[in-house]
Amino acid sequence: MPQIRPSLLIVLSTLAASTGCTTHVIVEQPKPLDININFTGHLDLVIHDARDNLEQITGEKPTNVVRPEDIGLAAPSGPGALSAGTGEPELAAASWEEAVPVIWKNRSAAPAPMYMPIASESELKQSMAARNAQIQALWFAKLVGESHNGLLAPKGALTPEQQALVTAENNDRAALYTAEAQRRKVTTDEVAVGYLLARLGYAKPGVWYEVRNANKEWEWKQWHQ
């Protein structure tokens, strides 16, 4: 059975205007994505945006509210951390738009990626929206799981067509994470975790996802089982 390698696969996707075809250039990072667990309040802003983006991608509102501590990570603290009562960021500024520069203005830019995405964030999200129903069907059927690195991992036997679908999804996710990290001056780890928590908002009983255990190791778990 084809397996997704643990390293982060980056795909540069763009529409060829003259042919209407999609061109893919694959660049592979040599090391697996290593999640930095020492997050601060700005992670909650990333999670907030990831939830908004997934509502656009799925066309649905989430049914669960999942926080970092629910998957074994420390709860973010400091400016921007979510209020325990409302699930919304505790912002010192009067509005979301005013708060973002305050929280991120002193952060250095994320390390330069191995590539510059050709497809825009909007195009990547449109591509993900087009296959969302099929991806959710695989997840709900327990054939794939949501990994801590924000990518899908096979949890059952996939057909060649299903594997191609998962690979395309992971390629778009990886490119989106890098693009957002560069724009927001955060790490790709933070963006990936933000999307994992946002996707768990759509989890149904029995679906596979990763959590960090007491030994600080990532392990697979089934939702509410």
N, C-alpha and C. Protein backbone atom coordinates (compact mmCIF):
# COMPACT_ATOMS: atom_id res chain seq x y z
N MET A 1 0.84 -1.19 0.00
CA MET A 1 0.00 0.00 0.00
C MET A 1 0.88 1.24 0.00
N PRO A 2 0.64 2.20 -0.89
CA PRO A 2 1.45 3.43 -0.91
C PRO A 2 1.31 4.15 0.41
N GLN A 3 2.40 4.68 0.89
CA GLN A 3 2.40 5.39 2.16
C GLN A 3 2.84 6.84 1.95
N ILE A 4 2.27 7.75 2.72
CA ILE A 4 2.73 9.13 2.70
C ILE A 4 3.99 9.20 3.55
N ARG A 5 5.07 9.67 2.97
CA ARG A 5 6.30 9.78 3.74
C ARG A 5 6.13 10.83 4.81
N PRO A 6 6.83 10.65 5.96
CA PRO A 6 6.62 11.59 7.07
C PRO A 6 7.12 12.98 6.80
N SER A 7 8.01 13.13 5.84
CA SER A 7 8.50 14.47 5.55
C SER A 7 7.42 15.31 4.90
N LEU A 8 7.53 16.60 5.06
CA LEU A 8 6.51 17.52 4.56
C LEU A 8 6.67 17.70 3.07
N LEU A 9 5.64 17.37 2.29
CA LEU A 9 5.69 17.52 0.85
C LEU A 9 5.10 18.86 0.47
N ILE A 10 5.86 19.60 -0.29
CA ILE A 10 5.43 20.91 -0.73
C ILE A 10 5.13 20.85 -2.21
N VAL A 11 3.98 21.31 -2.61
CA VAL A 11 3.64 21.31 -4.03
C VAL A 11 3.35 22.72 -4.49
N LEU A 12 3.94 23.07 -5.58
CA LEU A 12 3.67 24.38 -6.18
C LEU A 12 2.66 24.15 -7.27
N SER A 13 1.47 24.73 -7.13
CA SER A 13 0.40 24.48 -8.08
C SER A 13 0.00 25.78 -8.75
N THR A 14 -0.16 25.76 -10.04
CA THR A 14 -0.66 26.93 -10.75
C THR A 14 -1.45 26.49 -11.96
N LEU A 15 -2.45 27.26 -12.34
CA LEU A 15 -3.24 26.93 -13.51
C LEU A 15 -2.56 27.46 -14.75
N ALA A 16 -2.36 26.60 -15.73
CA ALA A 16 -1.77 27.02 -16.99
C ALA A 16 -2.87 27.61 -17.85
N ALA A 17 -2.83 28.91 -18.04
CA ALA A 17 -3.94 29.61 -18.69
C ALA A 17 -4.18 29.12 -20.11
N SER A 18 -3.12 28.75 -20.79
CA SER A 18 -3.28 28.37 -22.19
C SER A 18 -3.90 27.01 -22.38
N THR A 19 -3.74 26.12 -21.39
CA THR A 19 -4.24 24.75 -21.55
C THR A 19 -5.34 24.40 -20.59
N GLY A 20 -5.45 25.19 -19.50
CA GLY A 20 -6.46 24.85 -18.48
C GLY A 20 -6.00 23.72 -17.59
N CYS A 21 -4.74 23.29 -17.71
CA CYS A 21 -4.22 22.18 -16.93
C CYS A 21 -3.52 22.71 -15.68
N THR A 22 -3.30 21.81 -14.72
CA THR A 22 -2.60 22.19 -13.50
C THR A 22 -1.18 21.66 -13.55
N THR A 23 -0.21 22.52 -13.25
CA THR A 23 1.19 22.12 -13.25
C THR A 23 1.64 21.97 -11.81
N HIS A 24 2.31 20.86 -11.50
CA HIS A 24 2.78 20.59 -10.14
C HIS A 24 4.30 20.48 -10.12
N VAL A 25 4.93 21.16 -9.21
CA VAL A 25 6.36 21.01 -8.98
C VAL A 25 6.53 20.62 -7.53
N ILE A 26 7.13 19.48 -7.25
CA ILE A 26 7.22 18.96 -5.89
C ILE A 26 8.61 19.23 -5.31
N VAL A 27 8.64 19.82 -4.14
CA VAL A 27 9.87 20.04 -3.41
C VAL A 27 9.72 19.39 -2.05
N GLU A 28 10.66 18.57 -1.65
CA GLU A 28 10.53 17.81 -0.41
C GLU A 28 11.49 18.32 0.65
N GLN A 29 10.95 18.60 1.84
CA GLN A 29 11.81 18.97 2.94
C GLN A 29 12.45 17.72 3.51
N PRO A 30 13.73 17.75 3.86
CA PRO A 30 14.42 16.54 4.30
C PRO A 30 14.03 16.04 5.68
N LYS A 31 13.46 16.91 6.52
CA LYS A 31 13.15 16.52 7.88
C LYS A 31 11.65 16.54 8.13
N PRO A 32 11.15 15.63 8.98
CA PRO A 32 9.72 15.67 9.35
C PRO A 32 9.40 16.96 10.06
N LEU A 33 8.14 17.36 9.99
CA LEU A 33 7.70 18.55 10.70
C LEU A 33 7.75 18.28 12.20
N ASP A 34 8.47 19.09 12.93
CA ASP A 34 8.62 18.93 14.37
C ASP A 34 7.83 20.02 15.07
N ILE A 35 6.74 19.64 15.70
CA ILE A 35 5.87 20.63 16.33
C ILE A 35 6.52 21.22 17.57
N ASN A 36 6.65 22.54 17.58
CA ASN A 36 7.14 23.25 18.75
C ASN A 36 5.96 23.47 19.69
N ILE A 37 6.05 22.91 20.90
CA ILE A 37 4.90 22.96 21.80
C ILE A 37 4.89 24.20 22.68
N ASN A 38 5.90 25.04 22.59
CA ASN A 38 5.95 26.23 23.45
C ASN A 38 5.27 27.41 22.77
N PHE A 39 3.98 27.29 22.60
CA PHE A 39 3.22 28.32 21.92
C PHE A 39 2.81 29.42 22.90
N THR A 40 2.60 30.62 22.37
CA THR A 40 2.08 31.72 23.17
C THR A 40 0.74 32.15 22.60
N GLY A 41 0.23 33.27 23.09
CA GLY A 41 -1.13 33.68 22.75
C GLY A 41 -1.40 33.84 21.27
N HIS A 42 -0.37 34.18 20.47
CA HIS A 42 -0.64 34.42 19.06
C HIS A 42 -1.12 33.17 18.33
N LEU A 43 -0.88 31.96 18.90
CA LEU A 43 -1.39 30.74 18.27
C LEU A 43 -2.90 30.79 18.18
N ASP A 44 -3.55 31.38 19.17
CA ASP A 44 -5.00 31.44 19.14
C ASP A 44 -5.51 32.28 17.98
N LEU A 45 -4.74 33.27 17.56
CA LEU A 45 -5.13 34.05 16.39
C LEU A 45 -5.04 33.19 15.13
N VAL A 46 -4.01 32.35 15.07
CA VAL A 46 -3.85 31.43 13.94
C VAL A 46 -5.01 30.44 13.91
N ILE A 47 -5.38 29.92 15.07
CA ILE A 47 -6.50 28.97 15.16
C ILE A 47 -7.80 29.65 14.72
N HIS A 48 -8.01 30.88 15.17
CA HIS A 48 -9.22 31.63 14.82
C HIS A 48 -9.34 31.75 13.30
N ASP A 49 -8.24 32.13 12.64
CA ASP A 49 -8.28 32.28 11.20
C ASP A 49 -8.45 30.94 10.49
N ALA A 50 -7.82 29.89 11.03
CA ALA A 50 -7.96 28.56 10.44
C ALA A 50 -9.42 28.11 10.49
N ARG A 51 -10.10 28.40 11.59
CA ARG A 51 -11.52 28.05 11.69
C ARG A 51 -12.35 28.80 10.66
N ASP A 52 -12.05 30.10 10.50
CA ASP A 52 -12.77 30.88 9.49
C ASP A 52 -12.53 30.32 8.09
N ASN A 53 -11.27 29.97 7.78
CA ASN A 53 -10.95 29.44 6.46
C ASN A 53 -11.63 28.10 6.21
N LEU A 54 -11.68 27.24 7.24
CA LEU A 54 -12.32 25.94 7.06
C LEU A 54 -13.83 26.06 6.88
N GLU A 55 -14.42 27.07 7.48
CA GLU A 55 -15.85 27.30 7.23
C GLU A 55 -16.08 27.62 5.76
N GLN A 56 -15.16 28.37 5.16
CA GLN A 56 -15.26 28.67 3.74
C GLN A 56 -15.01 27.42 2.90
N ILE A 57 -14.02 26.64 3.28
CA ILE A 57 -13.65 25.44 2.52
C ILE A 57 -14.75 24.39 2.59
N THR A 58 -15.30 24.17 3.78
CA THR A 58 -16.31 23.12 3.96
C THR A 58 -17.72 23.59 3.69
N GLY A 59 -17.94 24.90 3.81
CA GLY A 59 -19.30 25.43 3.68
C GLY A 59 -20.16 25.12 4.89
N GLU A 60 -19.51 24.74 5.99
CA GLU A 60 -20.23 24.37 7.20
C GLU A 60 -19.56 24.97 8.43
N LYS A 61 -20.33 25.13 9.49
CA LYS A 61 -19.78 25.55 10.76
C LYS A 61 -19.38 24.31 11.57
N PRO A 62 -18.32 24.42 12.36
CA PRO A 62 -17.89 23.25 13.16
C PRO A 62 -18.89 22.93 14.25
N THR A 63 -18.88 21.68 14.67
CA THR A 63 -19.76 21.23 15.74
C THR A 63 -19.02 21.06 17.07
N ASN A 64 -17.68 21.11 17.03
CA ASN A 64 -16.86 20.97 18.23
C ASN A 64 -15.93 22.17 18.36
N VAL A 65 -15.57 22.50 19.58
CA VAL A 65 -14.56 23.51 19.84
C VAL A 65 -13.38 22.80 20.50
N VAL A 66 -12.26 22.73 19.80
CA VAL A 66 -11.10 21.98 20.28
C VAL A 66 -9.96 22.95 20.52
N ARG A 67 -9.34 22.86 21.69
CA ARG A 67 -8.27 23.76 22.09
C ARG A 67 -6.95 22.98 22.18
N PRO A 68 -5.81 23.68 22.20
CA PRO A 68 -4.51 22.99 22.25
C PRO A 68 -4.40 21.97 23.37
N GLU A 69 -4.91 22.29 24.56
CA GLU A 69 -4.81 21.36 25.68
C GLU A 69 -5.60 20.08 25.45
N ASP A 70 -6.57 20.11 24.53
CA ASP A 70 -7.36 18.91 24.23
C ASP A 70 -6.55 17.88 23.44
N ILE A 71 -5.43 18.31 22.85
CA ILE A 71 -4.58 17.35 22.13
C ILE A 71 -3.21 17.24 22.80
N GLY A 72 -3.13 17.64 24.07
CA GLY A 72 -1.92 17.44 24.85
C GLY A 72 -0.91 18.56 24.79
N LEU A 73 -1.29 19.72 24.24
CA LEU A 73 -0.39 20.87 24.20
C LEU A 73 -0.74 21.85 25.31
N ALA A 74 0.22 22.66 25.69
CA ALA A 74 -0.03 23.66 26.72
C ALA A 74 -0.98 24.71 26.19
N ALA A 75 -1.87 25.18 27.04
CA ALA A 75 -2.79 26.24 26.64
C ALA A 75 -2.01 27.52 26.38
N PRO A 76 -2.27 28.20 25.27
CA PRO A 76 -1.59 29.48 25.00
C PRO A 76 -1.92 30.49 26.08
N SER A 77 -0.99 31.42 26.29
CA SER A 77 -1.20 32.47 27.27
C SER A 77 -0.68 33.78 26.71
N GLY A 78 -1.05 34.87 27.36
CA GLY A 78 -0.58 36.17 26.92
C GLY A 78 -1.57 36.82 25.99
N PRO A 79 -1.19 37.97 25.38
CA PRO A 79 -2.11 38.69 24.49
C PRO A 79 -2.59 37.82 23.36
N GLY A 80 -3.88 37.83 23.12
CA GLY A 80 -4.44 37.05 22.02
C GLY A 80 -4.95 35.70 22.44
N ALA A 81 -4.64 35.22 23.65
CA ALA A 81 -5.11 33.91 24.08
C ALA A 81 -6.63 33.91 24.15
N LEU A 82 -7.23 32.75 23.86
CA LEU A 82 -8.68 32.68 23.85
C LEU A 82 -9.26 32.74 25.24
N SER A 83 -10.37 33.42 25.35
CA SER A 83 -11.10 33.47 26.61
C SER A 83 -11.73 32.12 26.88
N ALA A 84 -11.57 31.61 28.09
CA ALA A 84 -12.13 30.31 28.44
C ALA A 84 -13.64 30.29 28.32
N GLY A 85 -14.27 31.44 28.55
CA GLY A 85 -15.72 31.48 28.53
C GLY A 85 -16.32 31.58 27.14
N THR A 86 -15.67 32.35 26.26
CA THR A 86 -16.27 32.62 24.95
C THR A 86 -15.59 31.93 23.79
N GLY A 87 -14.35 31.46 24.00
CA GLY A 87 -13.62 30.87 22.89
C GLY A 87 -13.13 31.90 21.89
N GLU A 88 -13.22 33.17 22.24
CA GLU A 88 -12.75 34.24 21.37
C GLU A 88 -11.48 34.86 21.95
N PRO A 89 -10.62 35.46 21.12
CA PRO A 89 -9.38 36.04 21.63
C PRO A 89 -9.63 37.17 22.62
N GLU A 90 -8.82 37.18 23.68
CA GLU A 90 -8.88 38.29 24.63
C GLU A 90 -7.94 39.37 24.11
N LEU A 91 -8.47 40.35 23.42
CA LEU A 91 -7.68 41.35 22.73
C LEU A 91 -7.69 42.68 23.48
N ALA A 92 -6.50 43.28 23.61
CA ALA A 92 -6.43 44.56 24.28
C ALA A 92 -6.93 45.68 23.37
N ALA A 93 -6.78 45.52 22.06
CA ALA A 93 -7.24 46.54 21.13
C ALA A 93 -8.73 46.45 20.94
N ALA A 94 -9.29 47.47 20.28
CA ALA A 94 -10.75 47.55 20.15
C ALA A 94 -11.30 46.56 19.15
N SER A 95 -10.49 46.09 18.23
CA SER A 95 -11.01 45.18 17.21
C SER A 95 -9.94 44.19 16.82
N TRP A 96 -10.38 43.14 16.12
CA TRP A 96 -9.47 42.11 15.63
C TRP A 96 -8.41 42.73 14.73
N GLU A 97 -8.82 43.60 13.81
CA GLU A 97 -7.89 44.19 12.86
C GLU A 97 -6.82 45.02 13.58
N GLU A 98 -7.20 45.70 14.66
CA GLU A 98 -6.24 46.51 15.39
C GLU A 98 -5.31 45.65 16.22
N ALA A 99 -5.79 44.50 16.67
CA ALA A 99 -5.00 43.67 17.58
C ALA A 99 -3.89 42.91 16.87
N VAL A 100 -4.12 42.49 15.64
CA VAL A 100 -3.13 41.66 14.94
C VAL A 100 -1.76 42.32 14.87
N PRO A 101 -1.66 43.60 14.44
CA PRO A 101 -0.33 44.22 14.40
C PRO A 101 0.31 44.32 15.78
N VAL A 102 -0.48 44.53 16.82
CA VAL A 102 0.06 44.65 18.16
C VAL A 102 0.73 43.36 18.58
N ILE A 103 0.11 42.23 18.25
CA ILE A 103 0.62 40.93 18.68
C ILE A 103 1.80 40.48 17.83
N TRP A 104 1.77 40.78 16.55
CA TRP A 104 2.78 40.26 15.66
C TRP A 104 3.84 41.27 15.23
N LYS A 105 3.71 42.53 15.60
CA LYS A 105 4.58 43.55 15.01
C LYS A 105 6.05 43.35 15.34
N ASN A 106 6.35 42.73 16.50
CA ASN A 106 7.74 42.54 16.89
C ASN A 106 8.28 41.15 16.58
N ARG A 107 7.48 40.35 15.87
CA ARG A 107 7.93 39.00 15.54
C ARG A 107 8.76 39.05 14.27
N SER A 108 9.87 38.32 14.27
CA SER A 108 10.69 38.24 13.07
C SER A 108 10.01 37.37 12.05
N ALA A 109 10.36 37.55 10.80
CA ALA A 109 9.76 36.76 9.73
C ALA A 109 10.13 35.29 9.89
N ALA A 110 9.22 34.41 9.46
CA ALA A 110 9.51 32.99 9.49
C ALA A 110 10.66 32.71 8.54
N PRO A 111 11.43 31.63 8.80
CA PRO A 111 12.53 31.30 7.90
C PRO A 111 12.05 31.16 6.46
N ALA A 112 12.86 31.59 5.54
CA ALA A 112 12.48 31.51 4.13
C ALA A 112 12.24 30.07 3.73
N PRO A 113 11.13 29.76 3.05
CA PRO A 113 10.85 28.39 2.64
C PRO A 113 11.76 27.97 1.50
N MET A 114 11.71 26.70 1.16
CA MET A 114 12.52 26.18 0.07
C MET A 114 11.96 26.60 -1.28
N TYR A 115 10.83 27.26 -1.30
CA TYR A 115 10.19 27.65 -2.53
C TYR A 115 9.28 28.82 -2.25
N MET A 116 8.82 29.45 -3.26
CA MET A 116 7.77 30.45 -3.14
C MET A 116 6.54 29.89 -3.84
N PRO A 117 5.42 29.77 -3.13
CA PRO A 117 4.23 29.18 -3.75
C PRO A 117 3.81 29.94 -5.00
N ILE A 118 3.50 29.19 -6.05
CA ILE A 118 3.00 29.80 -7.28
C ILE A 118 1.50 30.06 -7.13
N ALA A 119 0.77 29.08 -6.63
CA ALA A 119 -0.66 29.26 -6.42
C ALA A 119 -0.89 30.18 -5.23
N SER A 120 -1.90 31.02 -5.30
CA SER A 120 -2.22 31.91 -4.20
C SER A 120 -2.95 31.15 -3.10
N GLU A 121 -3.03 31.75 -1.91
CA GLU A 121 -3.78 31.12 -0.83
C GLU A 121 -5.23 30.89 -1.25
N SER A 122 -5.80 31.84 -1.95
CA SER A 122 -7.18 31.71 -2.40
C SER A 122 -7.34 30.52 -3.34
N GLU A 123 -6.39 30.35 -4.26
CA GLU A 123 -6.46 29.23 -5.20
C GLU A 123 -6.29 27.89 -4.49
N LEU A 124 -5.39 27.85 -3.50
CA LEU A 124 -5.18 26.62 -2.74
C LEU A 124 -6.45 26.25 -1.97
N LYS A 125 -7.09 27.23 -1.36
CA LYS A 125 -8.33 26.96 -0.61
C LYS A 125 -9.46 26.53 -1.54
N GLN A 126 -9.51 27.11 -2.73
CA GLN A 126 -10.52 26.68 -3.70
C GLN A 126 -10.30 25.24 -4.12
N SER A 127 -9.06 24.86 -4.32
CA SER A 127 -8.72 23.49 -4.68
C SER A 127 -9.11 22.53 -3.57
N MET A 128 -8.86 22.91 -2.32
CA MET A 128 -9.21 22.07 -1.19
C MET A 128 -10.73 21.97 -1.03
N ALA A 129 -11.43 23.07 -1.30
CA ALA A 129 -12.89 23.05 -1.21
C ALA A 129 -13.49 22.10 -2.23
N ALA A 130 -12.89 22.03 -3.42
CA ALA A 130 -13.42 21.18 -4.48
C ALA A 130 -13.36 19.70 -4.12
N ARG A 131 -12.37 19.31 -3.30
CA ARG A 131 -12.26 17.89 -2.93
C ARG A 131 -12.69 17.63 -1.49
N ASN A 132 -13.21 18.66 -0.81
CA ASN A 132 -13.52 18.53 0.61
C ASN A 132 -14.45 17.37 0.93
N ALA A 133 -15.51 17.21 0.15
CA ALA A 133 -16.49 16.14 0.43
C ALA A 133 -15.82 14.76 0.36
N GLN A 134 -14.93 14.57 -0.59
CA GLN A 134 -14.25 13.29 -0.73
C GLN A 134 -13.26 13.06 0.41
N ILE A 135 -12.57 14.13 0.82
CA ILE A 135 -11.61 14.00 1.92
C ILE A 135 -12.34 13.70 3.22
N GLN A 136 -13.44 14.40 3.47
CA GLN A 136 -14.20 14.13 4.69
C GLN A 136 -14.75 12.71 4.69
N ALA A 137 -15.16 12.23 3.53
CA ALA A 137 -15.69 10.86 3.43
C ALA A 137 -14.61 9.85 3.83
N LEU A 138 -13.38 10.06 3.40
CA LEU A 138 -12.29 9.16 3.77
C LEU A 138 -12.01 9.22 5.27
N TRP A 139 -12.07 10.43 5.83
CA TRP A 139 -11.83 10.59 7.27
C TRP A 139 -12.94 9.93 8.08
N PHE A 140 -14.18 10.19 7.70
CA PHE A 140 -15.30 9.62 8.43
C PHE A 140 -15.35 8.11 8.30
N ALA A 141 -14.81 7.57 7.20
CA ALA A 141 -14.75 6.12 7.00
C ALA A 141 -13.55 5.50 7.70
N LYS A 142 -12.76 6.33 8.39
CA LYS A 142 -11.59 5.90 9.16
C LYS A 142 -10.48 5.35 8.27
N LEU A 143 -10.43 5.78 7.02
CA LEU A 143 -9.38 5.35 6.11
C LEU A 143 -8.15 6.25 6.20
N VAL A 144 -8.35 7.46 6.71
CA VAL A 144 -7.24 8.39 6.93
C VAL A 144 -7.42 9.04 8.30
N GLY A 145 -6.33 9.58 8.82
CA GLY A 145 -6.38 10.29 10.09
C GLY A 145 -5.73 11.65 9.97
N GLU A 146 -6.11 12.55 10.88
CA GLU A 146 -5.54 13.89 10.91
C GLU A 146 -4.31 13.88 11.82
N SER A 147 -3.13 14.04 11.21
CA SER A 147 -1.87 13.98 11.93
C SER A 147 -1.54 15.31 12.60
N HIS A 148 -0.62 15.26 13.59
CA HIS A 148 -0.23 16.48 14.30
C HIS A 148 0.49 17.47 13.41
N ASN A 149 1.00 17.02 12.27
CA ASN A 149 1.67 17.96 11.36
C ASN A 149 0.71 18.62 10.38
N GLY A 150 -0.60 18.42 10.60
CA GLY A 150 -1.59 19.08 9.77
C GLY A 150 -1.88 18.37 8.46
N LEU A 151 -1.27 17.20 8.26
CA LEU A 151 -1.47 16.44 7.03
C LEU A 151 -2.30 15.19 7.31
N LEU A 152 -2.80 14.59 6.24
CA LEU A 152 -3.54 13.34 6.34
C LEU A 152 -2.57 12.17 6.31
N ALA A 153 -2.86 11.13 7.09
CA ALA A 153 -2.06 9.90 7.09
C ALA A 153 -2.99 8.72 6.87
N PRO A 154 -2.60 7.76 6.02
CA PRO A 154 -3.44 6.59 5.78
C PRO A 154 -3.63 5.78 7.06
N LYS A 155 -4.85 5.35 7.33
CA LYS A 155 -5.15 4.48 8.46
C LYS A 155 -5.85 3.21 8.00
N GLY A 156 -5.98 3.05 6.71
CA GLY A 156 -6.60 1.86 6.13
C GLY A 156 -6.10 1.69 4.71
N ALA A 157 -6.56 0.65 4.04
CA ALA A 157 -6.15 0.40 2.67
C ALA A 157 -6.81 1.40 1.72
N LEU A 158 -5.98 2.11 0.97
CA LEU A 158 -6.48 3.09 0.03
C LEU A 158 -6.31 2.59 -1.40
N THR A 159 -7.27 2.89 -2.23
CA THR A 159 -7.14 2.59 -3.66
C THR A 159 -6.16 3.60 -4.26
N PRO A 160 -5.61 3.31 -5.43
CA PRO A 160 -4.73 4.30 -6.07
C PRO A 160 -5.40 5.66 -6.24
N GLU A 161 -6.68 5.67 -6.55
CA GLU A 161 -7.41 6.93 -6.72
C GLU A 161 -7.52 7.67 -5.39
N GLN A 162 -7.79 6.94 -4.31
CA GLN A 162 -7.89 7.56 -2.99
C GLN A 162 -6.53 8.09 -2.53
N GLN A 163 -5.47 7.32 -2.80
CA GLN A 163 -4.14 7.78 -2.44
C GLN A 163 -3.76 9.05 -3.19
N ALA A 164 -4.12 9.11 -4.47
CA ALA A 164 -3.84 10.31 -5.27
C ALA A 164 -4.59 11.51 -4.70
N LEU A 165 -5.82 11.28 -4.24
CA LEU A 165 -6.62 12.34 -3.65
C LEU A 165 -5.96 12.86 -2.37
N VAL A 166 -5.51 11.93 -1.51
CA VAL A 166 -4.86 12.31 -0.26
C VAL A 166 -3.56 13.06 -0.54
N THR A 167 -2.78 12.60 -1.50
CA THR A 167 -1.53 13.28 -1.84
C THR A 167 -1.78 14.70 -2.33
N ALA A 168 -2.78 14.87 -3.19
CA ALA A 168 -3.11 16.20 -3.69
C ALA A 168 -3.54 17.11 -2.54
N GLU A 169 -4.34 16.57 -1.62
CA GLU A 169 -4.79 17.36 -0.47
C GLU A 169 -3.60 17.78 0.40
N ASN A 170 -2.71 16.83 0.68
CA ASN A 170 -1.55 17.15 1.51
C ASN A 170 -0.63 18.16 0.84
N ASN A 171 -0.49 18.05 -0.47
CA ASN A 171 0.32 19.02 -1.20
C ASN A 171 -0.23 20.44 -1.03
N ASP A 172 -1.55 20.58 -1.19
CA ASP A 172 -2.17 21.90 -1.06
C ASP A 172 -2.09 22.40 0.38
N ARG A 173 -2.29 21.51 1.34
CA ARG A 173 -2.20 21.91 2.74
C ARG A 173 -0.79 22.43 3.05
N ALA A 174 0.22 21.70 2.64
CA ALA A 174 1.59 22.09 2.94
C ALA A 174 1.92 23.44 2.32
N ALA A 175 1.49 23.65 1.08
CA ALA A 175 1.74 24.93 0.42
C ALA A 175 1.00 26.07 1.13
N LEU A 176 -0.24 25.81 1.57
CA LEU A 176 -1.01 26.82 2.27
C LEU A 176 -0.37 27.18 3.61
N TYR A 177 0.10 26.17 4.35
CA TYR A 177 0.73 26.44 5.64
C TYR A 177 1.96 27.34 5.48
N THR A 178 2.77 27.04 4.47
CA THR A 178 3.98 27.83 4.26
C THR A 178 3.63 29.26 3.85
N ALA A 179 2.65 29.41 2.97
CA ALA A 179 2.25 30.74 2.52
C ALA A 179 1.71 31.56 3.70
N GLU A 180 0.86 30.94 4.54
CA GLU A 180 0.31 31.67 5.68
C GLU A 180 1.39 32.01 6.70
N ALA A 181 2.32 31.09 6.92
CA ALA A 181 3.38 31.34 7.89
C ALA A 181 4.23 32.53 7.45
N GLN A 182 4.55 32.61 6.17
CA GLN A 182 5.33 33.73 5.67
C GLN A 182 4.57 35.05 5.81
N ARG A 183 3.30 35.01 5.48
CA ARG A 183 2.51 36.25 5.54
C ARG A 183 2.31 36.72 6.98
N ARG A 184 2.12 35.79 7.91
CA ARG A 184 1.81 36.16 9.29
C ARG A 184 3.05 36.27 10.18
N LYS A 185 4.21 35.89 9.64
CA LYS A 185 5.45 35.90 10.42
C LYS A 185 5.35 34.97 11.63
N VAL A 186 4.84 33.78 11.38
CA VAL A 186 4.79 32.72 12.39
C VAL A 186 5.44 31.50 11.76
N THR A 187 5.54 30.42 12.52
CA THR A 187 6.13 29.19 11.99
C THR A 187 5.07 28.34 11.30
N THR A 188 5.53 27.47 10.40
CA THR A 188 4.60 26.54 9.76
C THR A 188 4.02 25.58 10.79
N ASP A 189 4.77 25.28 11.87
CA ASP A 189 4.26 24.43 12.94
C ASP A 189 2.99 25.01 13.54
N GLU A 190 3.01 26.31 13.81
CA GLU A 190 1.85 26.97 14.42
C GLU A 190 0.65 26.93 13.48
N VAL A 191 0.89 27.18 12.21
CA VAL A 191 -0.21 27.14 11.24
C VAL A 191 -0.77 25.73 11.14
N ALA A 192 0.10 24.73 11.08
CA ALA A 192 -0.34 23.34 10.96
C ALA A 192 -1.19 22.93 12.15
N VAL A 193 -0.74 23.28 13.37
CA VAL A 193 -1.50 22.95 14.57
C VAL A 193 -2.83 23.70 14.58
N GLY A 194 -2.80 24.95 14.14
CA GLY A 194 -4.04 25.71 14.07
C GLY A 194 -5.08 25.03 13.20
N TYR A 195 -4.65 24.53 12.05
CA TYR A 195 -5.58 23.85 11.16
C TYR A 195 -6.00 22.49 11.70
N LEU A 196 -5.10 21.78 12.39
CA LEU A 196 -5.50 20.51 12.99
C LEU A 196 -6.63 20.74 13.98
N LEU A 197 -6.47 21.73 14.87
CA LEU A 197 -7.50 22.01 15.86
C LEU A 197 -8.79 22.46 15.19
N ALA A 198 -8.67 23.24 14.13
CA ALA A 198 -9.87 23.69 13.41
C ALA A 198 -10.58 22.50 12.75
N ARG A 199 -9.81 21.58 12.17
CA ARG A 199 -10.43 20.42 11.50
C ARG A 199 -11.11 19.49 12.50
N LEU A 200 -10.56 19.41 13.71
CA LEU A 200 -11.19 18.57 14.72
C LEU A 200 -12.55 19.13 15.13
N GLY A 201 -12.82 20.36 14.76
CA GLY A 201 -14.16 20.90 14.98
C GLY A 201 -15.22 20.17 14.19
N TYR A 202 -14.80 19.41 13.17
CA TYR A 202 -15.74 18.66 12.32
C TYR A 202 -15.66 17.15 12.58
N ALA A 203 -14.93 16.77 13.62
CA ALA A 203 -14.74 15.35 13.90
C ALA A 203 -16.04 14.65 14.30
N LYS A 204 -16.13 13.41 13.89
CA LYS A 204 -17.26 12.55 14.27
C LYS A 204 -16.72 11.37 15.06
N PRO A 205 -17.56 10.72 15.88
CA PRO A 205 -17.08 9.60 16.70
C PRO A 205 -16.33 8.56 15.87
N GLY A 206 -15.16 8.19 16.37
CA GLY A 206 -14.39 7.12 15.75
C GLY A 206 -13.31 7.58 14.78
N VAL A 207 -13.32 8.85 14.35
CA VAL A 207 -12.31 9.28 13.38
C VAL A 207 -10.94 9.33 14.05
N TRP A 208 -9.90 9.11 13.25
CA TRP A 208 -8.53 9.08 13.76
C TRP A 208 -7.92 10.50 13.79
N TYR A 209 -7.19 10.77 14.88
CA TYR A 209 -6.43 12.01 14.98
C TYR A 209 -5.29 11.77 15.97
N GLU A 210 -4.29 12.63 15.95
CA GLU A 210 -3.14 12.47 16.84
C GLU A 210 -3.22 13.40 18.04
N VAL A 211 -2.80 12.87 19.18
CA VAL A 211 -2.70 13.64 20.41
C VAL A 211 -1.32 13.41 21.02
N ARG A 212 -0.91 14.34 21.84
CA ARG A 212 0.39 14.22 22.52
C ARG A 212 0.15 13.64 23.90
N ASN A 213 0.80 12.50 24.20
CA ASN A 213 0.53 11.82 25.47
C ASN A 213 1.42 12.34 26.59
N ALA A 214 1.29 11.71 27.76
CA ALA A 214 2.03 12.16 28.94
C ALA A 214 3.54 12.02 28.77
N ASN A 215 3.96 11.14 27.87
CA ASN A 215 5.38 10.96 27.60
C ASN A 215 5.90 11.92 26.52
N LYS A 216 5.06 12.88 26.15
CA LYS A 216 5.39 13.88 25.13
C LYS A 216 5.65 13.24 23.77
N GLU A 217 4.91 12.17 23.51
CA GLU A 217 4.97 11.50 22.22
C GLU A 217 3.61 11.59 21.56
N TRP A 218 3.62 11.67 20.24
CA TRP A 218 2.36 11.74 19.50
C TRP A 218 1.83 10.33 19.27
N GLU A 219 0.55 10.13 19.53
CA GLU A 219 -0.06 8.83 19.32
C GLU A 219 -1.44 8.99 18.70
N TRP A 220 -1.87 7.94 18.02
CA TRP A 220 -3.17 7.98 17.35
C TRP A 220 -4.28 7.65 18.34
N LYS A 221 -5.37 8.36 18.19
CA LYS A 221 -6.53 8.17 19.04
C LYS A 221 -7.78 8.32 18.18
N GLN A 222 -8.85 7.67 18.61
CA GLN A 222 -10.13 7.82 17.90
C GLN A 222 -11.03 8.76 18.69
N TRP A 223 -11.68 9.65 17.96
CA TRP A 223 -12.48 10.68 18.59
C TRP A 223 -13.57 10.11 19.48
N HIS A 224 -13.50 10.50 20.76
CA HIS A 224 -14.49 10.11 21.76
C HIS A 224 -14.62 8.59 21.90
N GLN A 225 -13.49 7.90 21.72
CA GLN A 225 -13.50 6.45 21.94
C GLN A 225 -12.31 6.06 22.79
